[in-house]
């Protein structure tokens, strides 16, 4: 991971950042990353997974009532 150093950050911005971090039970660096991701619209893995699962839910694909026996499928494939 890359290290980011911020200089000349005003006290009021740092105070607000620290308060937001405490409210979310995060450290100041963790809260900074969360805010930067949101501002830059960069998804984290959980958001990406949630989006995929939501898309799958919207598709409403139903599983067939009965599935073929795997051993039968393997035999058929070998007989080709």
C-alpha atoms as a PDB file:
ATOM      1  CA  UNK A   1       0.000   0.000   0.000  1.00  0.00           C
ATOM      2  CA  UNK A   2       1.044   3.529  -0.632  1.00  0.00           C
ATOM      3  CA  UNK A   3       1.680   5.997   2.144  1.00  0.00           C
ATOM      4  CA  UNK A   4      -0.061   9.378   1.932  1.00  0.00           C
ATOM      5  CA  UNK A   5       1.097  12.341   3.950  1.00  0.00           C
ATOM      6  CA  UNK A   6      -0.992  15.493   4.190  1.00  0.00           C
ATOM      7  CA  UNK A   7       0.617  18.742   5.186  1.00  0.00           C
ATOM      8  CA  UNK A   8      -0.961  22.015   6.249  1.00  0.00           C
ATOM      9  CA  UNK A   9      -4.287  20.424   7.150  1.00  0.00           C
ATOM     10  CA  UNK A  10      -6.305  22.990   9.056  1.00  0.00           C
ATOM     11  CA  UNK A  11      -7.265  22.218  12.633  1.00  0.00           C
ATOM     12  CA  UNK A  12     -11.004  22.423  11.913  1.00  0.00           C
ATOM     13  CA  UNK A  13     -10.732  19.834   9.123  1.00  0.00           C
ATOM     14  CA  UNK A  14      -8.705  17.484  11.316  1.00  0.00           C
ATOM     15  CA  UNK A  15     -11.145  17.924  14.207  1.00  0.00           C
ATOM     16  CA  UNK A  16     -14.084  17.083  11.936  1.00  0.00           C
ATOM     17  CA  UNK A  17     -12.196  14.088  10.533  1.00  0.00           C
ATOM     18  CA  UNK A  18     -11.354  12.812  14.006  1.00  0.00           C
ATOM     19  CA  UNK A  19     -14.975  13.243  15.157  1.00  0.00           C
ATOM     20  CA  UNK A  20     -16.258  11.371  12.097  1.00  0.00           C
ATOM     21  CA  UNK A  21     -13.753   8.579  12.728  1.00  0.00           C
ATOM     22  CA  UNK A  22     -14.823   8.249  16.353  1.00  0.00           C
ATOM     23  CA  UNK A  23     -18.492   8.192  15.376  1.00  0.00           C
ATOM     24  CA  UNK A  24     -17.794   5.286  12.991  1.00  0.00           C
ATOM     25  CA  UNK A  25     -15.409   3.473  15.393  1.00  0.00           C
ATOM     26  CA  UNK A  26     -12.522   3.931  12.960  1.00  0.00           C
ATOM     27  CA  UNK A  27      -9.070   5.374  13.181  1.00  0.00           C
ATOM     28  CA  UNK A  28      -8.360   8.707  11.507  1.00  0.00           C
ATOM     29  CA  UNK A  29      -6.418   6.995   8.673  1.00  0.00           C
ATOM     30  CA  UNK A  30      -9.249   4.473   8.140  1.00  0.00           C
ATOM     31  CA  UNK A  31     -11.831   7.264   8.025  1.00  0.00           C
ATOM     32  CA  UNK A  32      -9.658   9.211   5.593  1.00  0.00           C
ATOM     33  CA  UNK A  33      -9.555   6.230   3.228  1.00  0.00           C
ATOM     34  CA  UNK A  34     -13.336   5.755   3.492  1.00  0.00           C
ATOM     35  CA  UNK A  35     -13.960   9.422   2.708  1.00  0.00           C
ATOM     36  CA  UNK A  36     -11.492   9.463  -0.188  1.00  0.00           C
ATOM     37  CA  UNK A  37     -13.065   6.328  -1.702  1.00  0.00           C
ATOM     38  CA  UNK A  38     -16.512   7.892  -1.457  1.00  0.00           C
ATOM     39  CA  UNK A  39     -15.371  11.222  -2.902  1.00  0.00           C
ATOM     40  CA  UNK A  40     -13.562   9.528  -5.786  1.00  0.00           C
ATOM     41  CA  UNK A  41     -16.350   6.974  -6.245  1.00  0.00           C
ATOM     42  CA  UNK A  42     -13.970   4.044  -5.825  1.00  0.00           C
ATOM     43  CA  UNK A  43     -15.747   0.865  -4.733  1.00  0.00           C
ATOM     44  CA  UNK A  44     -14.363  -1.423  -2.111  1.00  0.00           C
ATOM     45  CA  UNK A  45     -14.753  -5.193  -2.395  1.00  0.00           C
ATOM     46  CA  UNK A  46     -17.854  -5.304  -0.215  1.00  0.00           C
ATOM     47  CA  UNK A  47     -19.677  -2.695  -2.296  1.00  0.00           C
ATOM     48  CA  UNK A  48     -18.740  -4.478  -5.504  1.00  0.00           C
ATOM     49  CA  UNK A  49     -19.971  -7.818  -4.121  1.00  0.00           C
ATOM     50  CA  UNK A  50     -23.189  -6.225  -2.885  1.00  0.00           C
ATOM     51  CA  UNK A  51     -23.821  -4.766  -6.351  1.00  0.00           C
ATOM     52  CA  UNK A  52     -23.322  -8.162  -8.000  1.00  0.00           C
ATOM     53  CA  UNK A  53     -25.624  -9.881  -5.503  1.00  0.00           C
ATOM     54  CA  UNK A  54     -28.274  -7.210  -6.008  1.00  0.00           C
ATOM     55  CA  UNK A  55     -28.063  -7.713  -9.765  1.00  0.00           C
ATOM     56  CA  UNK A  56     -28.473 -11.467  -9.312  1.00  0.00           C
ATOM     57  CA  UNK A  57     -31.494 -10.906  -7.082  1.00  0.00           C
ATOM     58  CA  UNK A  58     -33.096  -8.748  -9.768  1.00  0.00           C
ATOM     59  CA  UNK A  59     -32.620 -11.501 -12.338  1.00  0.00           C
ATOM     60  CA  UNK A  60     -34.744 -13.852 -10.223  1.00  0.00           C
ATOM     61  CA  UNK A  61     -33.273 -16.959 -11.782  1.00  0.00           C
ATOM     62  CA  UNK A  62     -34.821 -20.089 -10.378  1.00  0.00           C
ATOM     63  CA  UNK A  63     -32.978 -23.361  -9.978  1.00  0.00           C
ATOM     64  CA  UNK A  64     -34.509 -26.349 -11.724  1.00  0.00           C
ATOM     65  CA  UNK A  65     -36.621 -28.648  -9.564  1.00  0.00           C
ATOM     66  CA  UNK A  66     -34.402 -31.634 -10.244  1.00  0.00           C
ATOM     67  CA  UNK A  67     -30.782 -31.755 -11.257  1.00  0.00           C
ATOM     68  CA  UNK A  68     -29.173 -34.521 -13.245  1.00  0.00           C
ATOM     69  CA  UNK A  69     -27.034 -37.044 -11.411  1.00  0.00           C
ATOM     70  CA  UNK A  70     -23.386 -35.901 -11.680  1.00  0.00           C
ATOM     71  CA  UNK A  71     -22.154 -39.461 -12.217  1.00  0.00           C
ATOM     72  CA  UNK A  72     -24.519 -39.859 -15.176  1.00  0.00           C
ATOM     73  CA  UNK A  73     -23.299 -36.607 -16.701  1.00  0.00           C
ATOM     74  CA  UNK A  74     -19.667 -37.677 -16.319  1.00  0.00           C
ATOM     75  CA  UNK A  75     -20.382 -41.070 -17.944  1.00  0.00           C
ATOM     76  CA  UNK A  76     -22.155 -39.382 -20.858  1.00  0.00           C
ATOM     77  CA  UNK A  77     -19.244 -37.008 -21.308  1.00  0.00           C
ATOM     78  CA  UNK A  78     -16.707 -39.868 -21.290  1.00  0.00           C
ATOM     79  CA  UNK A  79     -18.743 -41.858 -23.832  1.00  0.00           C
ATOM     80  CA  UNK A  80     -18.522 -39.072 -26.417  1.00  0.00           C
END
